[in-house]
Amino acid sequence: MAVSALIWISLTTLVSGLCMVAFVLHYVRANECDFMAFAVAVVFGGGSLELGMANGYLPESQLFTAIGGVCAIIAVVAGAISIQRQQRGFQIVRNDTE
């Protein structure tokens, strides 16, 4: 299980990083936020933190639990803003700057 856990932690961290890169590149290029890419980045970032704690690679602490909760709240708010503005997610990949 430990080897599998490291693979999943690595994959969620990688997805989080790629989504954050997509968010930053779109912001630099179009001068607007891609909230859906940001929400996905935050969800996977918090998920990798929780996976690290659940498998014993990070110490279980109230700080890490609070960060995971804040990540979930930020993701819900960013997703709601994206839906309200009717934005399509990952606009940098779609080459869509509207």
PDB file of N, CA and C in Angstrom:
ATOM      1  N   MET A   1       0.826  -1.193   0.000  1.00  0.00           N
ATOM      2  CA  MET A   1       0.000   0.000   0.000  1.00  0.00           C
ATOM      3  C   MET A   1       0.869   1.255   0.000  1.00  0.00           C
ATOM      4  N   ALA A   2       2.014   1.190   0.654  1.00  0.00           N
ATOM      5  CA  ALA A   2       2.842   2.382   0.768  1.00  0.00           C
ATOM      6  C   ALA A   2       3.342   2.857  -0.590  1.00  0.00           C
ATOM      7  N   VAL A   3       3.736   1.925  -1.456  1.00  0.00           N
ATOM      8  CA  VAL A   3       4.220   2.304  -2.772  1.00  0.00           C
ATOM      9  C   VAL A   3       3.081   2.889  -3.593  1.00  0.00           C
ATOM     10  N   SER A   4       1.902   2.292  -3.515  1.00  0.00           N
ATOM     11  CA  SER A   4       0.728   2.807  -4.220  1.00  0.00           C
ATOM     12  C   SER A   4       0.362   4.200  -3.708  1.00  0.00           C
ATOM     13  N   ALA A   5       0.483   4.390  -2.405  1.00  0.00           N
ATOM     14  CA  ALA A   5       0.166   5.699  -1.831  1.00  0.00           C
ATOM     15  C   ALA A   5       1.103   6.772  -2.367  1.00  0.00           C
ATOM     16  N   LEU A   6       2.371   6.464  -2.490  1.00  0.00           N
ATOM     17  CA  LEU A   6       3.321   7.434  -3.034  1.00  0.00           C
ATOM     18  C   LEU A   6       2.996   7.787  -4.483  1.00  0.00           C
ATOM     19  N   ILE A   7       2.541   6.796  -5.231  1.00  0.00           N
ATOM     20  CA  ILE A   7       2.163   7.061  -6.625  1.00  0.00           C
ATOM     21  C   ILE A   7       0.970   8.002  -6.672  1.00  0.00           C
ATOM     22  N   TRP A   8      -0.056   7.739  -5.851  1.00  0.00           N
ATOM     23  CA  TRP A   8      -1.245   8.594  -5.866  1.00  0.00           C
ATOM     24  C   TRP A   8      -0.943  10.000  -5.350  1.00  0.00           C
ATOM     25  N   ILE A   9      -0.110  10.100  -4.334  1.00  0.00           N
ATOM     26  CA  ILE A   9       0.278  11.426  -3.827  1.00  0.00           C
ATOM     27  C   ILE A   9       1.028  12.187  -4.916  1.00  0.00           C
ATOM     28  N   SER A  10       1.918  11.519  -5.596  1.00  0.00           N
ATOM     29  CA  SER A  10       2.672  12.162  -6.678  1.00  0.00           C
ATOM     30  C   SER A  10       1.751  12.596  -7.820  1.00  0.00           C
ATOM     31  N   LEU A  11       0.807  11.732  -8.186  1.00  0.00           N
ATOM     32  CA  LEU A  11      -0.115  12.070  -9.277  1.00  0.00           C
ATOM     33  C   LEU A  11      -1.006  13.262  -8.922  1.00  0.00           C
ATOM     34  N   THR A  12      -1.530  13.282  -7.704  1.00  0.00           N
ATOM     35  CA  THR A  12      -2.387  14.415  -7.325  1.00  0.00           C
ATOM     36  C   THR A  12      -1.587  15.706  -7.231  1.00  0.00           C
ATOM     37  N   THR A  13      -0.358  15.612  -6.770  1.00  0.00           N
ATOM     38  CA  THR A  13       0.495  16.801  -6.720  1.00  0.00           C
ATOM     39  C   THR A  13       0.829  17.291  -8.128  1.00  0.00           C
ATOM     40  N   LEU A  14       1.092  16.359  -9.031  1.00  0.00           N
ATOM     41  CA  LEU A  14       1.382  16.714 -10.419  1.00  0.00           C
ATOM     42  C   LEU A  14       0.182  17.380 -11.088  1.00  0.00           C
ATOM     43  N   VAL A  15      -1.000  16.832 -10.891  1.00  0.00           N
ATOM     44  CA  VAL A  15      -2.211  17.437 -11.468  1.00  0.00           C
ATOM     45  C   VAL A  15      -2.432  18.827 -10.891  1.00  0.00           C
ATOM     46  N   SER A  16      -2.224  18.980  -9.602  1.00  0.00           N
ATOM     47  CA  SER A  16      -2.369  20.288  -8.974  1.00  0.00           C
ATOM     48  C   SER A  16      -1.392  21.295  -9.574  1.00  0.00           C
ATOM     49  N   GLY A  17      -0.160  20.886  -9.742  1.00  0.00           N
ATOM     50  CA  GLY A  17       0.842  21.786 -10.319  1.00  0.00           C
ATOM     51  C   GLY A  17       0.529  22.162 -11.758  1.00  0.00           C
ATOM     52  N   LEU A  18       0.105  21.179 -12.560  1.00  0.00           N
ATOM     53  CA  LEU A  18      -0.241  21.470 -13.955  1.00  0.00           C
ATOM     54  C   LEU A  18      -1.438  22.413 -14.061  1.00  0.00           C
ATOM     55  N   CYS A  19      -2.418  22.212 -13.208  1.00  0.00           N
ATOM     56  CA  CYS A  19      -3.584  23.106 -13.220  1.00  0.00           C
ATOM     57  C   CYS A  19      -3.197  24.519 -12.786  1.00  0.00           C
ATOM     58  N   MET A  20      -2.292  24.618 -11.831  1.00  0.00           N
ATOM     59  CA  MET A  20      -1.851  25.944 -11.390  1.00  0.00           C
ATOM     60  C   MET A  20      -1.051  26.633 -12.492  1.00  0.00           C
ATOM     61  N   VAL A  21      -0.259  25.875 -13.234  1.00  0.00           N
ATOM     62  CA  VAL A  21       0.467  26.441 -14.377  1.00  0.00           C
ATOM     63  C   VAL A  21      -0.520  26.933 -15.431  1.00  0.00           C
ATOM     64  N   ALA A  22      -1.568  26.152 -15.699  1.00  0.00           N
ATOM     65  CA  ALA A  22      -2.589  26.581 -16.663  1.00  0.00           C
ATOM     66  C   ALA A  22      -3.278  27.852 -16.188  1.00  0.00           C
ATOM     67  N   PHE A  23      -3.555  27.941 -14.898  1.00  0.00           N
ATOM     68  CA  PHE A  23      -4.176  29.137 -14.323  1.00  0.00           C
ATOM     69  C   PHE A  23      -3.287  30.361 -14.504  1.00  0.00           C
ATOM     70  N   VAL A  24      -2.012  30.226 -14.160  1.00  0.00           N
ATOM     71  CA  VAL A  24      -1.079  31.353 -14.248  1.00  0.00           C
ATOM     72  C   VAL A  24      -0.847  31.767 -15.702  1.00  0.00           C
ATOM     73  N   LEU A  25      -0.662  30.805 -16.590  1.00  0.00           N
ATOM     74  CA  LEU A  25      -0.448  31.135 -17.999  1.00  0.00           C
ATOM     75  C   LEU A  25      -1.652  31.855 -18.600  1.00  0.00           C
ATOM     76  N   HIS A  26      -2.847  31.413 -18.240  1.00  0.00           N
ATOM     77  CA  HIS A  26      -4.035  32.092 -18.765  1.00  0.00           C
ATOM     78  C   HIS A  26      -4.137  33.504 -18.206  1.00  0.00           C
ATOM     79  N   TYR A  27      -3.795  33.671 -16.930  1.00  0.00           N
ATOM     80  CA  TYR A  27      -3.859  35.006 -16.340  1.00  0.00           C
ATOM     81  C   TYR A  27      -2.847  35.947 -16.996  1.00  0.00           C
ATOM     82  N   VAL A  28      -1.661  35.444 -17.241  1.00  0.00           N
ATOM     83  CA  VAL A  28      -0.629  36.266 -17.883  1.00  0.00           C
ATOM     84  C   VAL A  28      -1.040  36.631 -19.305  1.00  0.00           C
ATOM     85  N   ARG A  29      -1.604  35.669 -20.006  1.00  0.00           N
ATOM     86  CA  ARG A  29      -1.958  35.884 -21.404  1.00  0.00           C
ATOM     87  C   ARG A  29      -3.213  36.742 -21.596  1.00  0.00           C
ATOM     88  N   ALA A  30      -4.255  36.495 -20.817  1.00  0.00           N
ATOM     89  CA  ALA A  30      -5.535  37.160 -21.046  1.00  0.00           C
ATOM     90  C   ALA A  30      -5.876  38.194 -19.975  1.00  0.00           C
ATOM     91  N   ASN A  31      -5.078  38.290 -18.916  1.00  0.00           N
ATOM     92  CA  ASN A  31      -5.296  39.218 -17.821  1.00  0.00           C
ATOM     93  C   ASN A  31      -6.653  38.996 -17.153  1.00  0.00           C
ATOM     94  N   GLU A  32      -7.073  37.736 -17.074  1.00  0.00           N
ATOM     95  CA  GLU A  32      -8.268  37.362 -16.329  1.00  0.00           C
ATOM     96  C   GLU A  32      -8.031  35.989 -15.709  1.00  0.00           C
ATOM     97  N   CYS A  33      -8.744  35.713 -14.656  1.00  0.00           N
ATOM     98  CA  CYS A  33      -8.557  34.459 -13.932  1.00  0.00           C
ATOM     99  C   CYS A  33      -9.386  33.340 -14.548  1.00  0.00           C
ATOM    100  N   ASP A  34      -8.806  32.171 -14.634  1.00  0.00           N
ATOM    101  CA  ASP A  34      -9.512  30.958 -15.018  1.00  0.00           C
ATOM    102  C   ASP A  34      -9.854  30.236 -13.716  1.00  0.00           C
ATOM    103  N   PHE A  35     -11.027  30.545 -13.181  1.00  0.00           N
ATOM    104  CA  PHE A  35     -11.382  30.060 -11.855  1.00  0.00           C
ATOM    105  C   PHE A  35     -11.543  28.544 -11.799  1.00  0.00           C
ATOM    106  N   MET A  36     -11.950  27.924 -12.885  1.00  0.00           N
ATOM    107  CA  MET A  36     -12.120  26.468 -12.866  1.00  0.00           C
ATOM    108  C   MET A  36     -10.770  25.764 -12.757  1.00  0.00           C
ATOM    109  N   ALA A  37      -9.767  26.244 -13.473  1.00  0.00           N
ATOM    110  CA  ALA A  37      -8.429  25.666 -13.352  1.00  0.00           C
ATOM    111  C   ALA A  37      -7.886  25.867 -11.943  1.00  0.00           C
ATOM    112  N   PHE A  38      -8.164  27.027 -11.359  1.00  0.00           N
ATOM    113  CA  PHE A  38      -7.729  27.295  -9.995  1.00  0.00           C
ATOM    114  C   PHE A  38      -8.431  26.374  -9.005  1.00  0.00           C
ATOM    115  N   ALA A  39      -9.732  26.152  -9.203  1.00  0.00           N
ATOM    116  CA  ALA A  39     -10.478  25.268  -8.303  1.00  0.00           C
ATOM    117  C   ALA A  39      -9.939  23.842  -8.359  1.00  0.00           C
ATOM    118  N   VAL A  40      -9.659  23.357  -9.557  1.00  0.00           N
ATOM    119  CA  VAL A  40      -9.127  21.995  -9.691  1.00  0.00           C
ATOM    120  C   VAL A  40      -7.740  21.911  -9.052  1.00  0.00           C
ATOM    121  N   ALA A  41      -6.921  22.939  -9.237  1.00  0.00           N
ATOM    122  CA  ALA A  41      -5.587  22.949  -8.635  1.00  0.00           C
ATOM    123  C   ALA A  41      -5.665  22.899  -7.114  1.00  0.00           C
ATOM    124  N   VAL A  42      -6.590  23.653  -6.546  1.00  0.00           N
ATOM    125  CA  VAL A  42      -6.725  23.690  -5.093  1.00  0.00           C
ATOM    126  C   VAL A  42      -7.268  22.364  -4.562  1.00  0.00           C
ATOM    127  N   VAL A  43      -8.229  21.771  -5.265  1.00  0.00           N
ATOM    128  CA  VAL A  43      -8.787  20.480  -4.834  1.00  0.00           C
ATOM    129  C   VAL A  43      -7.696  19.415  -4.812  1.00  0.00           C
ATOM    130  N   PHE A  44      -6.926  19.326  -5.885  1.00  0.00           N
ATOM    131  CA  PHE A  44      -5.888  18.294  -5.936  1.00  0.00           C
ATOM    132  C   PHE A  44      -4.737  18.613  -4.983  1.00  0.00           C
ATOM    133  N   GLY A  45      -4.446  19.877  -4.755  1.00  0.00           N
ATOM    134  CA  GLY A  45      -3.418  20.233  -3.781  1.00  0.00           C
ATOM    135  C   GLY A  45      -3.823  19.840  -2.370  1.00  0.00           C
ATOM    136  N   GLY A  46      -5.053  20.150  -1.999  1.00  0.00           N
ATOM    137  CA  GLY A  46      -5.554  19.735  -0.689  1.00  0.00           C
ATOM    138  C   GLY A  46      -5.658  18.225  -0.573  1.00  0.00           C
ATOM    139  N   GLY A  47      -6.033  17.584  -1.670  1.00  0.00           N
ATOM    140  CA  GLY A  47      -6.124  16.125  -1.672  1.00  0.00           C
ATOM    141  C   GLY A  47      -4.778  15.455  -1.467  1.00  0.00           C
ATOM    142  N   SER A  48      -3.750  15.996  -2.085  1.00  0.00           N
ATOM    143  CA  SER A  48      -2.423  15.406  -1.893  1.00  0.00           C
ATOM    144  C   SER A  48      -1.936  15.616  -0.457  1.00  0.00           C
ATOM    145  N   LEU A  49      -2.293  16.740   0.134  1.00  0.00           N
ATOM    146  CA  LEU A  49      -1.957  16.983   1.535  1.00  0.00           C
ATOM    147  C   LEU A  49      -2.668  15.972   2.435  1.00  0.00           C
ATOM    148  N   GLU A  50      -3.950  15.745   2.185  1.00  0.00           N
ATOM    149  CA  GLU A  50      -4.703  14.784   2.989  1.00  0.00           C
ATOM    150  C   GLU A  50      -4.201  13.359   2.778  1.00  0.00           C
ATOM    151  N   LEU A  51      -3.853  12.998   1.537  1.00  0.00           N
ATOM    152  CA  LEU A  51      -3.299  11.670   1.289  1.00  0.00           C
ATOM    153  C   LEU A  51      -1.971  11.476   2.021  1.00  0.00           C
ATOM    154  N   GLY A  52      -1.170  12.530   2.057  1.00  0.00           N
ATOM    155  CA  GLY A  52       0.094  12.450   2.780  1.00  0.00           C
ATOM    156  C   GLY A  52      -0.100  12.223   4.271  1.00  0.00           C
ATOM    157  N   MET A  53      -1.110  12.894   4.834  1.00  0.00           N
ATOM    158  CA  MET A  53      -1.392  12.695   6.259  1.00  0.00           C
ATOM    159  C   MET A  53      -1.991  11.311   6.515  1.00  0.00           C
ATOM    160  N   ALA A  54      -2.914  10.871   5.643  1.00  0.00           N
ATOM    161  CA  ALA A  54      -3.581   9.590   5.846  1.00  0.00           C
ATOM    162  C   ALA A  54      -2.609   8.412   5.766  1.00  0.00           C
ATOM    163  N   ASN A  55      -1.569   8.537   4.972  1.00  0.00           N
ATOM    164  CA  ASN A  55      -0.610   7.444   4.802  1.00  0.00           C
ATOM    165  C   ASN A  55       0.637   7.600   5.663  1.00  0.00           C
ATOM    166  N   GLY A  56       0.672   8.600   6.512  1.00  0.00           N
ATOM    167  CA  GLY A  56       1.758   8.737   7.472  1.00  0.00           C
ATOM    168  C   GLY A  56       2.998   9.439   6.963  1.00  0.00           C
ATOM    169  N   TYR A  57       2.937  10.032   5.777  1.00  0.00           N
ATOM    170  CA  TYR A  57       4.100  10.757   5.256  1.00  0.00           C
ATOM    171  C   TYR A  57       4.178  12.171   5.803  1.00  0.00           C
ATOM    172  N   LEU A  58       3.071  12.705   6.245  1.00  0.00           N
ATOM    173  CA  LEU A  58       3.013  14.009   6.903  1.00  0.00           C
ATOM    174  C   LEU A  58       2.400  13.804   8.282  1.00  0.00           C
ATOM    175  N   PRO A  59       2.837  14.565   9.270  1.00  0.00           N
ATOM    176  CA  PRO A  59       2.243  14.391  10.600  1.00  0.00           C
ATOM    177  C   PRO A  59       0.808  14.905  10.611  1.00  0.00           C
ATOM    178  N   GLU A  60      -0.049  14.181  11.325  1.00  0.00           N
ATOM    179  CA  GLU A  60      -1.430  14.637  11.451  1.00  0.00           C
ATOM    180  C   GLU A  60      -1.454  15.806  12.426  1.00  0.00           C
ATOM    181  N   SER A  61      -1.811  16.963  11.922  1.00  0.00           N
ATOM    182  CA  SER A  61      -1.861  18.144  12.774  1.00  0.00           C
ATOM    183  C   SER A  61      -3.097  18.957  12.432  1.00  0.00           C
ATOM    184  N   GLN A  62      -3.475  19.806  13.349  1.00  0.00           N
ATOM    185  CA  GLN A  62      -4.645  20.655  13.119  1.00  0.00           C
ATOM    186  C   GLN A  62      -4.374  21.664  12.009  1.00  0.00           C
ATOM    187  N   LEU A  63      -3.134  22.071  11.841  1.00  0.00           N
ATOM    188  CA  LEU A  63      -2.789  23.020  10.794  1.00  0.00           C
ATOM    189  C   LEU A  63      -3.039  22.418   9.412  1.00  0.00           C
ATOM    190  N   PHE A  64      -2.547  21.199   9.191  1.00  0.00           N
ATOM    191  CA  PHE A  64      -2.750  20.554   7.893  1.00  0.00           C
ATOM    192  C   PHE A  64      -4.220  20.259   7.638  1.00  0.00           C
ATOM    193  N   THR A  65      -4.948  19.885   8.685  1.00  0.00           N
ATOM    194  CA  THR A  65      -6.389  19.650   8.536  1.00  0.00           C
ATOM    195  C   THR A  65      -7.102  20.950   8.187  1.00  0.00           C
ATOM    196  N   ALA A  66      -6.707  22.039   8.818  1.00  0.00           N
ATOM    197  CA  ALA A  66      -7.315  23.340   8.516  1.00  0.00           C
ATOM    198  C   ALA A  66      -6.985  23.778   7.092  1.00  0.00           C
ATOM    199  N   ILE A  67      -5.768  23.532   6.644  1.00  0.00           N
ATOM    200  CA  ILE A  67      -5.391  23.879   5.268  1.00  0.00           C
ATOM    201  C   ILE A  67      -6.225  23.078   4.278  1.00  0.00           C
ATOM    202  N   GLY A  68      -6.455  21.791   4.559  1.00  0.00           N
ATOM    203  CA  GLY A  68      -7.303  20.965   3.700  1.00  0.00           C
ATOM    204  C   GLY A  68      -8.733  21.495   3.648  1.00  0.00           C
ATOM    205  N   GLY A  69      -9.261  21.927   4.779  1.00  0.00           N
ATOM    206  CA  GLY A  69     -10.607  22.505   4.814  1.00  0.00           C
ATOM    207  C   GLY A  69     -10.697  23.810   4.057  1.00  0.00           C
ATOM    208  N   VAL A  70      -9.684  24.644   4.208  1.00  0.00           N
ATOM    209  CA  VAL A  70      -9.653  25.918   3.481  1.00  0.00           C
ATOM    210  C   VAL A  70      -9.550  25.667   1.977  1.00  0.00           C
ATOM    211  N   CYS A  71      -8.779  24.654   1.583  1.00  0.00           N
ATOM    212  CA  CYS A  71      -8.683  24.301   0.163  1.00  0.00           C
ATOM    213  C   CYS A  71     -10.043  23.910  -0.389  1.00  0.00           C
ATOM    214  N   ALA A  72     -10.804  23.143   0.372  1.00  0.00           N
ATOM    215  CA  ALA A  72     -12.137  22.739  -0.072  1.00  0.00           C
ATOM    216  C   ALA A  72     -13.064  23.949  -0.219  1.00  0.00           C
ATOM    217  N   ILE A  73     -13.022  24.864   0.723  1.00  0.00           N
ATOM    218  CA  ILE A  73     -13.871  26.061   0.653  1.00  0.00           C
ATOM    219  C   ILE A  73     -13.473  26.934  -0.532  1.00  0.00           C
ATOM    220  N   ILE A  74     -12.180  27.134  -0.723  1.00  0.00           N
ATOM    221  CA  ILE A  74     -11.704  27.944  -1.850  1.00  0.00           C
ATOM    222  C   ILE A  74     -12.117  27.314  -3.173  1.00  0.00           C
ATOM    223  N   ALA A  75     -12.031  25.990  -3.271  1.00  0.00           N
ATOM    224  CA  ALA A  75     -12.406  25.310  -4.507  1.00  0.00           C
ATOM    225  C   ALA A  75     -13.889  25.482  -4.806  1.00  0.00           C
ATOM    226  N   VAL A  76     -14.738  25.391  -3.797  1.00  0.00           N
ATOM    227  CA  VAL A  76     -16.178  25.565  -4.003  1.00  0.00           C
ATOM    228  C   VAL A  76     -16.482  26.991  -4.438  1.00  0.00           C
ATOM    229  N   VAL A  77     -15.864  27.972  -3.799  1.00  0.00           N
ATOM    230  CA  VAL A  77     -16.098  29.373  -4.160  1.00  0.00           C
ATOM    231  C   VAL A  77     -15.585  29.661  -5.570  1.00  0.00           C
ATOM    232  N   ALA A  78     -14.394  29.195  -5.898  1.00  0.00           N
ATOM    233  CA  ALA A  78     -13.840  29.435  -7.232  1.00  0.00           C
ATOM    234  C   ALA A  78     -14.676  28.739  -8.307  1.00  0.00           C
ATOM    235  N   GLY A  79     -15.142  27.532  -8.028  1.00  0.00           N
ATOM    236  CA  GLY A  79     -16.008  26.843  -8.976  1.00  0.00           C
ATOM    237  C   GLY A  79     -17.325  27.565  -9.163  1.00  0.00           C
ATOM    238  N   ALA A  80     -17.893  28.085  -8.081  1.00  0.00           N
ATOM    239  CA  ALA A  80     -19.150  28.832  -8.174  1.00  0.00           C
ATOM    240  C   ALA A  80     -18.972  30.119  -8.977  1.00  0.00           C
ATOM    241  N   ILE A  81     -17.863  30.799  -8.775  1.00  0.00           N
ATOM    242  CA  ILE A  81     -17.595  32.014  -9.551  1.00  0.00           C
ATOM    243  C   ILE A  81     -17.457  31.679 -11.027  1.00  0.00           C
ATOM    244  N   SER A  82     -16.771  30.574 -11.325  1.00  0.00           N
ATOM    245  CA  SER A  82     -16.604  30.154 -12.716  1.00  0.00           C
ATOM    246  C   SER A  82     -17.947  29.829 -13.356  1.00  0.00           C
ATOM    247  N   ILE A  83     -18.807  29.137 -12.635  1.00  0.00           N
ATOM    248  CA  ILE A  83     -20.133  28.804 -13.162  1.00  0.00           C
ATOM    249  C   ILE A  83     -20.980  30.064 -13.327  1.00  0.00           C
ATOM    250  N   GLN A  84     -20.900  30.969 -12.357  1.00  0.00           N
ATOM    251  CA  GLN A  84     -21.674  32.205 -12.434  1.00  0.00           C
ATOM    252  C   GLN A  84     -21.254  33.053 -13.639  1.00  0.00           C
ATOM    253  N   ARG A  85     -19.965  33.079 -13.923  1.00  0.00           N
ATOM    254  CA  ARG A  85     -19.464  33.857 -15.061  1.00  0.00           C
ATOM    255  C   ARG A  85     -19.539  33.082 -16.377  1.00  0.00           C
ATOM    256  N   GLN A  86     -20.018  31.849 -16.323  1.00  0.00           N
ATOM    257  CA  GLN A  86     -20.150  30.970 -17.473  1.00  0.00           C
ATOM    258  C   GLN A  86     -18.817  30.809 -18.215  1.00  0.00           C
ATOM    259  N   GLN A  87     -17.758  30.635 -17.441  1.00  0.00           N
ATOM    260  CA  GLN A  87     -16.438  30.423 -18.020  1.00  0.00           C
ATOM    261  C   GLN A  87     -16.248  28.954 -18.357  1.00  0.00           C
ATOM    262  N   ARG A  88     -15.543  28.709 -19.403  1.00  0.00           N
ATOM    263  CA  ARG A  88     -15.131  27.350 -19.734  1.00  0.00           C
ATOM    264  C   ARG A  88     -13.807  27.111 -19.036  1.00  0.00           C
ATOM    265  N   GLY A  89     -13.635  25.929 -18.503  1.00  0.00           N
ATOM    266  CA  GLY A  89     -12.413  25.612 -17.776  1.00  0.00           C
ATOM    267  C   GLY A  89     -11.218  25.410 -18.683  1.00  0.00           C
ATOM    268  N   PHE A  90     -10.046  25.669 -18.159  1.00  0.00           N
ATOM    269  CA  PHE A  90      -8.771  25.459 -18.827  1.00  0.00           C
ATOM    270  C   PHE A  90      -8.733  26.150 -20.192  1.00  0.00           C
ATOM    271  N   GLN A  91      -8.955  27.441 -20.165  1.00  0.00           N
ATOM    272  CA  GLN A  91      -9.036  28.226 -21.383  1.00  0.00           C
ATOM    273  C   GLN A  91      -7.702  28.311 -22.101  1.00  0.00           C
ATOM    274  N   ILE A  92      -6.602  28.193 -21.403  1.00  0.00           N
ATOM    275  CA  ILE A  92      -5.289  28.263 -22.040  1.00  0.00           C
ATOM    276  C   ILE A  92      -5.074  27.047 -22.943  1.00  0.00           C
ATOM    277  N   VAL A  93      -5.618  25.896 -22.552  1.00  0.00           N
ATOM    278  CA  VAL A  93      -5.502  24.694 -23.359  1.00  0.00           C
ATOM    279  C   VAL A  93      -6.415  24.791 -24.587  1.00  0.00           C
ATOM    280  N   ARG A  94      -7.569  25.407 -24.409  1.00  0.00           N
ATOM    281  CA  ARG A  94      -8.533  25.540 -25.482  1.00  0.00           C
ATOM    282  C   ARG A  94      -8.176  26.655 -26.454  1.00  0.00           C
ATOM    283  N   ASN A  95      -7.186  27.472 -26.087  1.00  0.00           N
ATOM    284  CA  ASN A  95      -6.783  28.622 -26.894  1.00  0.00           C
ATOM    285  C   ASN A  95      -7.952  29.593 -27.066  1.00  0.00           C
ATOM    286  N   ASP A  96      -8.668  29.797 -25.944  1.00  0.00           N
ATOM    287  CA  ASP A  96      -9.882  30.608 -25.922  1.00  0.00           C
ATOM    288  C   ASP A  96      -9.666  31.757 -24.941  1.00  0.00           C
ATOM    289  N   THR A  97      -9.599  32.970 -25.421  1.00  0.00           N
ATOM    290  CA  THR A  97      -9.318  34.107 -24.554  1.00  0.00           C
ATOM    291  C   THR A  97     -10.533  35.004 -24.370  1.00  0.00           C
ATOM    292  N   GLU A  98     -11.717  34.515 -24.660  1.00  0.00           N
ATOM    293  CA  GLU A  98     -12.913  35.339 -24.512  1.00  0.00           C
ATOM    294  C   GLU A  98     -13.223  35.562 -23.070  1.00  0.00           C
TER     295      GLU A  98
END
